[in-house]
Amino acid sequence: MFGFDGSTKAIVHFLEKIRDNKEGKDLTHKEVRAYGRLMLALVPELSVDRPEEIKCLLAAMSTAGLPHYDRSFAAAQILKLLKDYEQRQFDSSGGEF
């Protein structure tokens, strides 16, 4: 897709911003929802092992009516899934990544 290599590094930055936005000081609901929808479109292209869980959390993050804390929680959970996947990849490659 447009030269996208499936790396999760591209979305980690945005997820960290959302995770750290518990009080809504840096991002509005509208901005977080837009980021969520944009990242949701990329999930099929990502190199991950639990895409359905990530899609579910991104879809929830993109819905109307959630407080910033809940969107922040969803972002933190996605980051945890991505970190766990990366660690498993590292471990299975014998420490060479």
Protein backbone atom coordinates (compact mmCIF):
# COMPACT_ATOMS: atom_id res chain seq x y z
CA MET A 1 0.00 0.00 0.00
CA PHE A 2 1.74 3.13 -1.27
CA GLY A 3 5.15 1.78 -0.27
CA PHE A 4 4.08 1.15 3.34
CA ASP A 5 6.21 -1.67 4.72
CA GLY A 6 3.91 -2.84 7.52
CA SER A 7 6.08 -1.42 10.27
CA THR A 8 4.25 -0.47 13.44
CA LYS A 9 6.81 2.26 14.16
CA ALA A 10 4.76 4.66 12.07
CA ILE A 11 1.73 4.49 14.35
CA VAL A 12 3.48 4.14 17.71
CA HIS A 13 4.15 7.88 17.86
CA PHE A 14 0.45 8.69 17.42
CA LEU A 15 -0.64 6.02 19.90
CA GLU A 16 1.77 7.42 22.49
CA LYS A 17 0.31 10.90 22.01
CA ILE A 18 -3.19 9.53 22.53
CA ARG A 19 -2.10 7.43 25.51
CA ASP A 20 -0.63 10.52 27.18
CA ASN A 21 -3.72 12.62 26.45
CA LYS A 22 -5.81 11.42 29.41
CA GLU A 23 -7.13 14.88 30.19
CA GLY A 24 -7.53 16.05 26.59
CA LYS A 25 -4.99 18.85 26.88
CA ASP A 26 -3.07 18.17 23.68
CA LEU A 27 -5.61 16.47 21.41
CA THR A 28 -9.33 17.04 21.04
CA HIS A 29 -11.86 14.21 20.84
CA LYS A 30 -12.19 14.95 17.14
CA GLU A 31 -8.44 14.64 16.57
CA VAL A 32 -8.16 11.39 18.53
CA ARG A 33 -11.11 9.94 16.64
CA ALA A 34 -9.50 10.94 13.33
CA TYR A 35 -6.19 9.32 14.29
CA GLY A 36 -8.07 6.18 15.32
CA ARG A 37 -9.91 5.95 12.00
CA LEU A 38 -6.71 6.56 10.03
CA MET A 39 -4.81 3.88 11.93
CA LEU A 40 -7.75 1.48 11.62
CA ALA A 41 -7.42 1.66 7.84
CA LEU A 42 -3.76 0.58 8.15
CA VAL A 43 -4.30 -2.51 10.32
CA PRO A 44 -4.56 -4.94 7.36
CA GLU A 45 -1.12 -3.73 6.25
CA LEU A 46 0.56 -3.97 9.67
CA SER A 47 2.93 -6.78 10.59
CA VAL A 48 1.19 -7.91 13.78
CA ASP A 49 -0.16 -11.17 15.14
CA ARG A 50 -3.37 -9.93 16.80
CA PRO A 51 -4.94 -7.60 14.24
CA GLU A 52 -8.53 -8.25 15.35
CA GLU A 53 -7.80 -7.03 18.88
CA ILE A 54 -6.04 -3.96 17.54
CA LYS A 55 -8.91 -3.25 15.15
CA CYS A 56 -11.43 -3.57 17.98
CA LEU A 57 -9.53 -1.12 20.18
CA LEU A 58 -9.03 1.36 17.33
CA ALA A 59 -12.71 1.16 16.41
CA ALA A 60 -13.66 1.80 20.04
CA MET A 61 -11.22 4.71 20.19
CA SER A 62 -12.89 6.15 17.08
CA THR A 63 -16.43 6.08 18.42
CA ALA A 64 -18.26 9.13 19.67
CA GLY A 65 -18.99 9.67 23.33
CA LEU A 66 -15.92 8.18 25.00
CA PRO A 67 -13.96 10.26 27.50
CA HIS A 68 -10.29 10.98 26.85
CA TYR A 69 -9.30 8.55 29.60
CA ASP A 70 -10.95 5.62 27.77
CA ARG A 71 -9.31 6.56 24.47
CA SER A 72 -5.99 6.83 26.32
CA PHE A 73 -6.56 3.38 27.83
CA ALA A 74 -7.27 1.88 24.38
CA ALA A 75 -4.08 3.42 22.98
CA ALA A 76 -2.07 2.02 25.90
CA GLN A 77 -3.50 -1.46 25.29
CA ILE A 78 -2.62 -1.31 21.59
CA LEU A 79 0.91 -0.22 22.47
CA LYS A 80 1.15 -3.17 24.84
CA LEU A 81 0.02 -5.59 22.10
CA LEU A 82 2.59 -4.12 19.70
CA LYS A 83 5.36 -4.30 22.29
CA ASP A 84 4.49 -7.91 23.15
CA TYR A 85 4.55 -8.84 19.45
CA GLU A 86 7.90 -7.11 18.96
CA GLN A 87 9.35 -8.94 21.97
CA ARG A 88 8.13 -12.30 20.67
CA GLN A 89 9.69 -11.55 17.28
CA PHE A 90 12.96 -10.61 18.98
CA ASP A 91 12.92 -13.74 21.14
CA SER A 92 12.12 -16.05 18.23
CA SER A 93 14.95 -14.60 16.14
CA GLY A 94 17.46 -15.41 18.85
CA GLY A 95 17.86 -11.80 19.87
CA GLU A 96 18.58 -10.49 16.38
CA PHE A 97 16.08 -7.96 15.19
